[in-house]
C-alpha cells in the first residue's frame, strides 16, 4: 500500500483486474480504504493527498491503467516515512 502522497496533475485510474483499495487523506488508516473492483475507476484530483494499493491476502493481483499528464512527481505527505506500507 502506498503512503499518503499527491501529484501535481489529475489522473484517471481504471481497475482492469483484481481489487484495488483506495482512499484520500493525509493520515494513513488502512481501515478507511474502500474496494475498487475491476471495471471501476478513480479520479485523482491534482494536489489531493491519497493512498492506495492491494491488501495482503487478496485472491488475485490488481492491474490498473493510469492516464494523466506527465511528467509525474511523487510528493510524499510525510517524507520522513517509507513510501510503501506493508499491510
C-alpha atoms as a PDB file:
ATOM      1  CA  UNK A   1       0.000   0.000   0.000  1.00  0.00           C
ATOM      2  CA  UNK A   2       1.383   3.436  -0.834  1.00  0.00           C
ATOM      3  CA  UNK A   3       1.944   6.064   1.832  1.00  0.00           C
ATOM      4  CA  UNK A   4      -0.169   9.235   1.624  1.00  0.00           C
ATOM      5  CA  UNK A   5       1.033  11.285  -1.344  1.00  0.00           C
ATOM      6  CA  UNK A   6      -0.138  13.561  -4.148  1.00  0.00           C
ATOM      7  CA  UNK A   7       0.696  14.551  -7.712  1.00  0.00           C
ATOM      8  CA  UNK A   8       0.624  17.932  -9.432  1.00  0.00           C
ATOM      9  CA  UNK A   9      -1.860  16.898 -12.137  1.00  0.00           C
ATOM     10  CA  UNK A  10      -5.152  14.987 -12.299  1.00  0.00           C
ATOM     11  CA  UNK A  11      -5.041  11.262 -13.024  1.00  0.00           C
ATOM     12  CA  UNK A  12      -7.702   8.752 -14.052  1.00  0.00           C
ATOM     13  CA  UNK A  13      -7.128   5.238 -12.710  1.00  0.00           C
ATOM     14  CA  UNK A  14      -9.091   2.321 -14.207  1.00  0.00           C
ATOM     15  CA  UNK A  15      -9.024  -1.044 -12.444  1.00  0.00           C
ATOM     16  CA  UNK A  16      -8.555  -3.631 -15.190  1.00  0.00           C
ATOM     17  CA  UNK A  17      -8.494  -6.700 -12.927  1.00  0.00           C
ATOM     18  CA  UNK A  18      -8.470  -7.541  -9.240  1.00  0.00           C
ATOM     19  CA  UNK A  19      -9.486  -5.282  -6.360  1.00  0.00           C
ATOM     20  CA  UNK A  20      -7.633  -2.056  -5.612  1.00  0.00           C
ATOM     21  CA  UNK A  21      -8.053  -0.409  -2.216  1.00  0.00           C
ATOM     22  CA  UNK A  22      -8.046   3.403  -2.201  1.00  0.00           C
ATOM     23  CA  UNK A  23      -8.889   6.490  -0.161  1.00  0.00           C
ATOM     24  CA  UNK A  24      -7.972  10.150   0.222  1.00  0.00           C
ATOM     25  CA  UNK A  25      -6.364  11.911   3.172  1.00  0.00           C
ATOM     26  CA  UNK A  26      -3.104  12.816   4.865  1.00  0.00           C
ATOM     27  CA  UNK A  27      -3.173  10.194   7.646  1.00  0.00           C
ATOM     28  CA  UNK A  28      -2.603   6.525   6.777  1.00  0.00           C
ATOM     29  CA  UNK A  29      -5.536   4.432   8.015  1.00  0.00           C
ATOM     30  CA  UNK A  30      -5.942   1.062   6.313  1.00  0.00           C
ATOM     31  CA  UNK A  31      -9.498   0.723   7.673  1.00  0.00           C
ATOM     32  CA  UNK A  32     -10.619   3.815   5.740  1.00  0.00           C
ATOM     33  CA  UNK A  33      -9.730   2.368   2.318  1.00  0.00           C
ATOM     34  CA  UNK A  34     -12.576   1.215   0.082  1.00  0.00           C
ATOM     35  CA  UNK A  35     -12.510  -1.567  -2.521  1.00  0.00           C
ATOM     36  CA  UNK A  36     -12.416  -0.533  -6.162  1.00  0.00           C
ATOM     37  CA  UNK A  37     -13.440  -3.517  -8.307  1.00  0.00           C
ATOM     38  CA  UNK A  38     -12.404  -4.363 -11.861  1.00  0.00           C
ATOM     39  CA  UNK A  39     -14.254  -2.153 -14.328  1.00  0.00           C
ATOM     40  CA  UNK A  40     -14.354   0.802 -11.915  1.00  0.00           C
ATOM     41  CA  UNK A  41     -12.298   3.979 -11.962  1.00  0.00           C
ATOM     42  CA  UNK A  42     -10.962   6.575  -9.552  1.00  0.00           C
ATOM     43  CA  UNK A  43     -10.238  10.200 -10.429  1.00  0.00           C
ATOM     44  CA  UNK A  44      -7.263  11.574  -8.524  1.00  0.00           C
ATOM     45  CA  UNK A  45      -7.539  15.359  -8.300  1.00  0.00           C
ATOM     46  CA  UNK A  46      -4.285  17.321  -8.519  1.00  0.00           C
ATOM     47  CA  UNK A  47      -2.651  18.095  -5.162  1.00  0.00           C
ATOM     48  CA  UNK A  48      -5.158  15.945  -3.218  1.00  0.00           C
ATOM     49  CA  UNK A  49      -3.491  13.538  -0.781  1.00  0.00           C
ATOM     50  CA  UNK A  50      -4.365   9.877  -1.232  1.00  0.00           C
ATOM     51  CA  UNK A  51      -3.033   6.353  -0.807  1.00  0.00           C
ATOM     52  CA  UNK A  52      -3.883   3.037  -2.406  1.00  0.00           C
ATOM     53  CA  UNK A  53      -2.742  -0.486  -3.076  1.00  0.00           C
ATOM     54  CA  UNK A  54      -3.546  -4.132  -2.502  1.00  0.00           C
ATOM     55  CA  UNK A  55      -4.253  -5.619   0.898  1.00  0.00           C
ATOM     56  CA  UNK A  56      -2.459  -8.776   1.990  1.00  0.00           C
ATOM     57  CA  UNK A  57      -4.444 -11.928   1.290  1.00  0.00           C
ATOM     58  CA  UNK A  58      -6.261 -10.691  -1.822  1.00  0.00           C
ATOM     59  CA  UNK A  59      -7.067 -13.668  -4.090  1.00  0.00           C
ATOM     60  CA  UNK A  60      -5.573 -12.079  -7.220  1.00  0.00           C
ATOM     61  CA  UNK A  61      -3.168  -9.294  -8.152  1.00  0.00           C
ATOM     62  CA  UNK A  62      -4.536  -5.973  -9.369  1.00  0.00           C
ATOM     63  CA  UNK A  63      -3.898  -4.341 -12.743  1.00  0.00           C
ATOM     64  CA  UNK A  64      -4.537  -0.601 -13.055  1.00  0.00           C
ATOM     65  CA  UNK A  65      -4.415   1.628 -16.139  1.00  0.00           C
ATOM     66  CA  UNK A  66      -3.450   5.176 -15.156  1.00  0.00           C
ATOM     67  CA  UNK A  67      -3.851   8.145 -17.508  1.00  0.00           C
ATOM     68  CA  UNK A  68      -2.780  11.738 -16.965  1.00  0.00           C
ATOM     69  CA  UNK A  69      -0.383  14.462 -17.984  1.00  0.00           C
ATOM     70  CA  UNK A  70       3.296  13.971 -17.216  1.00  0.00           C
ATOM     71  CA  UNK A  71       5.883  14.229 -16.059  1.00  0.00           C
ATOM     72  CA  UNK A  72       4.696  12.841 -12.729  1.00  0.00           C
ATOM     73  CA  UNK A  73       6.428  13.718  -9.449  1.00  0.00           C
ATOM     74  CA  UNK A  74       5.568  11.743  -6.309  1.00  0.00           C
ATOM     75  CA  UNK A  75       5.100  14.113  -3.340  1.00  0.00           C
ATOM     76  CA  UNK A  76       5.008  12.258  -0.022  1.00  0.00           C
ATOM     77  CA  UNK A  77       2.824  13.904   2.638  1.00  0.00           C
ATOM     78  CA  UNK A  78       5.444  12.919   5.240  1.00  0.00           C
ATOM     79  CA  UNK A  79       8.823  12.365   3.523  1.00  0.00           C
ATOM     80  CA  UNK A  80      10.329  11.026   6.776  1.00  0.00           C
ATOM     81  CA  UNK A  81       8.209   7.846   6.483  1.00  0.00           C
ATOM     82  CA  UNK A  82       8.531   5.000   3.926  1.00  0.00           C
ATOM     83  CA  UNK A  83       6.781   5.490   0.563  1.00  0.00           C
ATOM     84  CA  UNK A  84       5.294   1.980   0.790  1.00  0.00           C
ATOM     85  CA  UNK A  85       3.474   0.429   3.782  1.00  0.00           C
ATOM     86  CA  UNK A  86       3.269  -3.308   4.472  1.00  0.00           C
ATOM     87  CA  UNK A  87      -0.310  -4.367   5.176  1.00  0.00           C
END
